[in-house]
Amino acid sequence: MRTFARLALAATLMLAVAACGSSPGSRAVSGGLLGAGAGAAVGSLSGNAGTGALIGGGVGALGGAATAR
């Protein structure tokens, strides 16, 4: 349960800064990098960090590009 709480806190903090940037492109890059890191961390718990990083990176990039300035 502690591991889940820590991961949830880390994900919340990463999402809070995912929209940093002045253009949609820079937000997509920062969101993708943060998402890939979070996805790799969560994926390593389930046994497949690479897949988690790919999924997290894609979701983070989409989320970063879709956010307003």
N, C-alpha and C. Protein backbone atom coordinates (compact mmCIF):
# COMPACT_ATOMS: atom_id res chain seq x y z
N MET A 1 0.82 -1.18 0.00
CA MET A 1 0.00 0.00 0.00
C MET A 1 0.87 1.26 0.00
N ARG A 2 1.98 1.23 0.70
CA ARG A 2 2.88 2.39 0.72
C ARG A 2 3.46 2.66 -0.65
N THR A 3 3.80 1.60 -1.37
CA THR A 3 4.36 1.77 -2.70
C THR A 3 3.35 2.45 -3.61
N PHE A 4 2.10 2.02 -3.54
CA PHE A 4 1.06 2.63 -4.36
C PHE A 4 0.88 4.10 -3.99
N ALA A 5 0.89 4.41 -2.71
CA ALA A 5 0.73 5.80 -2.27
C ALA A 5 1.89 6.66 -2.77
N ARG A 6 3.08 6.14 -2.72
CA ARG A 6 4.23 6.89 -3.22
C ARG A 6 4.15 7.12 -4.72
N LEU A 7 3.74 6.08 -5.44
CA LEU A 7 3.61 6.23 -6.89
C LEU A 7 2.50 7.21 -7.25
N ALA A 8 1.40 7.17 -6.49
CA ALA A 8 0.31 8.11 -6.75
C ALA A 8 0.76 9.54 -6.48
N LEU A 9 1.52 9.75 -5.43
CA LEU A 9 2.04 11.08 -5.13
C LEU A 9 3.00 11.55 -6.22
N ALA A 10 3.88 10.67 -6.65
CA ALA A 10 4.82 11.02 -7.70
C ALA A 10 4.09 11.35 -9.01
N ALA A 11 3.08 10.56 -9.34
CA ALA A 11 2.32 10.82 -10.55
C ALA A 11 1.59 12.15 -10.48
N THR A 12 1.05 12.47 -9.32
CA THR A 12 0.37 13.75 -9.14
C THR A 12 1.32 14.92 -9.31
N LEU A 13 2.50 14.80 -8.73
CA LEU A 13 3.49 15.87 -8.87
C LEU A 13 3.95 16.01 -10.32
N MET A 14 4.12 14.89 -11.01
CA MET A 14 4.54 14.95 -12.40
C MET A 14 3.47 15.56 -13.28
N LEU A 15 2.23 15.22 -13.02
CA LEU A 15 1.15 15.81 -13.80
C LEU A 15 1.03 17.31 -13.55
N ALA A 16 1.38 17.73 -12.34
CA ALA A 16 1.29 19.15 -12.02
C ALA A 16 2.28 19.98 -12.84
N VAL A 17 3.42 19.40 -13.16
CA VAL A 17 4.42 20.14 -13.93
C VAL A 17 4.45 19.73 -15.41
N ALA A 18 3.58 18.83 -15.80
CA ALA A 18 3.58 18.34 -17.18
C ALA A 18 3.22 19.42 -18.18
N ALA A 19 2.48 20.43 -17.76
CA ALA A 19 2.06 21.47 -18.68
C ALA A 19 3.06 22.62 -18.76
N CYS A 20 4.22 22.48 -18.16
CA CYS A 20 5.22 23.53 -18.22
C CYS A 20 5.71 23.69 -19.65
N GLY A 21 5.83 24.91 -20.10
CA GLY A 21 6.31 25.19 -21.44
C GLY A 21 5.47 26.28 -22.06
N SER A 22 6.02 26.94 -23.05
CA SER A 22 5.31 28.05 -23.66
C SER A 22 4.64 27.68 -24.98
N SER A 23 5.00 26.55 -25.55
CA SER A 23 4.38 26.14 -26.81
C SER A 23 3.86 24.72 -26.68
N PRO A 24 2.91 24.33 -27.52
CA PRO A 24 2.40 22.96 -27.46
C PRO A 24 3.50 21.93 -27.68
N GLY A 25 4.48 22.25 -28.52
CA GLY A 25 5.58 21.32 -28.76
C GLY A 25 6.44 21.08 -27.54
N SER A 26 6.77 22.15 -26.83
CA SER A 26 7.60 21.98 -25.63
C SER A 26 6.83 21.29 -24.52
N ARG A 27 5.52 21.55 -24.43
CA ARG A 27 4.71 20.84 -23.43
C ARG A 27 4.58 19.37 -23.79
N ALA A 28 4.51 19.05 -25.08
CA ALA A 28 4.43 17.66 -25.50
C ALA A 28 5.71 16.92 -25.16
N VAL A 29 6.85 17.57 -25.36
CA VAL A 29 8.13 16.94 -25.05
C VAL A 29 8.27 16.73 -23.54
N SER A 30 7.99 17.76 -22.76
CA SER A 30 8.15 17.60 -21.30
C SER A 30 7.13 16.60 -20.76
N GLY A 31 5.91 16.63 -21.28
CA GLY A 31 4.91 15.66 -20.84
C GLY A 31 5.29 14.24 -21.23
N GLY A 32 5.85 14.09 -22.42
CA GLY A 32 6.29 12.77 -22.86
C GLY A 32 7.41 12.22 -22.02
N LEU A 33 8.37 13.07 -21.68
CA LEU A 33 9.48 12.62 -20.84
C LEU A 33 9.02 12.25 -19.44
N LEU A 34 8.17 13.09 -18.87
CA LEU A 34 7.66 12.77 -17.54
C LEU A 34 6.79 11.52 -17.57
N GLY A 35 5.98 11.39 -18.59
CA GLY A 35 5.13 10.21 -18.72
C GLY A 35 5.94 8.94 -18.91
N ALA A 36 7.01 9.02 -19.69
CA ALA A 36 7.86 7.85 -19.90
C ALA A 36 8.52 7.42 -18.59
N GLY A 37 8.96 8.39 -17.81
CA GLY A 37 9.56 8.05 -16.51
C GLY A 37 8.57 7.41 -15.57
N ALA A 38 7.39 7.99 -15.50
CA ALA A 38 6.36 7.43 -14.63
C ALA A 38 5.92 6.06 -15.13
N GLY A 39 5.77 5.92 -16.44
CA GLY A 39 5.37 4.63 -17.00
C GLY A 39 6.41 3.55 -16.77
N ALA A 40 7.67 3.91 -16.86
CA ALA A 40 8.73 2.94 -16.59
C ALA A 40 8.72 2.51 -15.12
N ALA A 41 8.47 3.46 -14.24
CA ALA A 41 8.42 3.12 -12.81
C ALA A 41 7.27 2.18 -12.51
N VAL A 42 6.11 2.50 -13.03
CA VAL A 42 4.95 1.64 -12.79
C VAL A 42 5.11 0.31 -13.52
N GLY A 43 5.63 0.36 -14.74
CA GLY A 43 5.84 -0.87 -15.50
C GLY A 43 6.84 -1.80 -14.86
N SER A 44 7.84 -1.25 -14.17
CA SER A 44 8.82 -2.12 -13.51
C SER A 44 8.19 -2.90 -12.36
N LEU A 45 7.16 -2.35 -11.77
CA LEU A 45 6.46 -3.08 -10.71
C LEU A 45 5.66 -4.25 -11.27
N SER A 46 5.17 -4.09 -12.49
CA SER A 46 4.39 -5.18 -13.09
C SER A 46 5.26 -6.11 -13.93
N GLY A 47 6.53 -5.78 -14.08
CA GLY A 47 7.45 -6.67 -14.78
C GLY A 47 7.83 -6.25 -16.18
N ASN A 48 7.32 -5.14 -16.69
CA ASN A 48 7.65 -4.73 -18.05
C ASN A 48 7.81 -3.22 -18.12
N ALA A 49 9.00 -2.76 -17.77
CA ALA A 49 9.27 -1.32 -17.72
C ALA A 49 9.24 -0.68 -19.10
N GLY A 50 9.67 -1.40 -20.13
CA GLY A 50 9.71 -0.84 -21.48
C GLY A 50 8.32 -0.50 -22.00
N THR A 51 7.39 -1.42 -21.83
CA THR A 51 6.02 -1.16 -22.27
C THR A 51 5.41 -0.02 -21.48
N GLY A 52 5.66 0.01 -20.19
CA GLY A 52 5.16 1.11 -19.36
C GLY A 52 5.71 2.45 -19.80
N ALA A 53 6.99 2.48 -20.16
CA ALA A 53 7.60 3.73 -20.62
C ALA A 53 6.99 4.19 -21.94
N LEU A 54 6.74 3.26 -22.86
CA LEU A 54 6.13 3.62 -24.14
C LEU A 54 4.72 4.16 -23.96
N ILE A 55 3.93 3.48 -23.16
CA ILE A 55 2.55 3.92 -22.93
C ILE A 55 2.54 5.26 -22.19
N GLY A 56 3.33 5.36 -21.13
CA GLY A 56 3.40 6.60 -20.36
C GLY A 56 3.91 7.77 -21.18
N GLY A 57 4.89 7.52 -22.01
CA GLY A 57 5.42 8.57 -22.87
C GLY A 57 4.39 9.07 -23.87
N GLY A 58 3.65 8.16 -24.46
CA GLY A 58 2.62 8.55 -25.41
C GLY A 58 1.50 9.34 -24.75
N VAL A 59 1.04 8.85 -23.61
CA VAL A 59 -0.02 9.55 -22.90
C VAL A 59 0.46 10.92 -22.41
N GLY A 60 1.68 10.98 -21.90
CA GLY A 60 2.23 12.24 -21.43
C GLY A 60 2.40 13.25 -22.54
N ALA A 61 2.85 12.80 -23.70
CA ALA A 61 3.01 13.70 -24.84
C ALA A 61 1.66 14.23 -25.32
N LEU A 62 0.68 13.37 -25.40
CA LEU A 62 -0.65 13.83 -25.80
C LEU A 62 -1.22 14.81 -24.79
N GLY A 63 -1.08 14.49 -23.51
CA GLY A 63 -1.58 15.39 -22.47
C GLY A 63 -0.86 16.73 -22.47
N GLY A 64 0.44 16.72 -22.65
CA GLY A 64 1.20 17.96 -22.70
C GLY A 64 0.84 18.82 -23.89
N ALA A 65 0.62 18.19 -25.04
CA ALA A 65 0.29 18.95 -26.24
C ALA A 65 -1.13 19.50 -26.18
N ALA A 66 -2.02 18.82 -25.45
CA ALA A 66 -3.42 19.23 -25.40
C ALA A 66 -3.70 20.32 -24.37
N THR A 67 -2.77 20.56 -23.46
CA THR A 67 -3.02 21.54 -22.41
C THR A 67 -2.84 22.96 -22.93
N ALA A 68 -3.59 23.85 -22.33
CA ALA A 68 -3.48 25.26 -22.69
C ALA A 68 -2.29 25.89 -21.97
N ARG A 69 -1.83 27.00 -22.49
CA ARG A 69 -0.67 27.68 -21.91
C ARG A 69 -0.93 28.10 -20.49
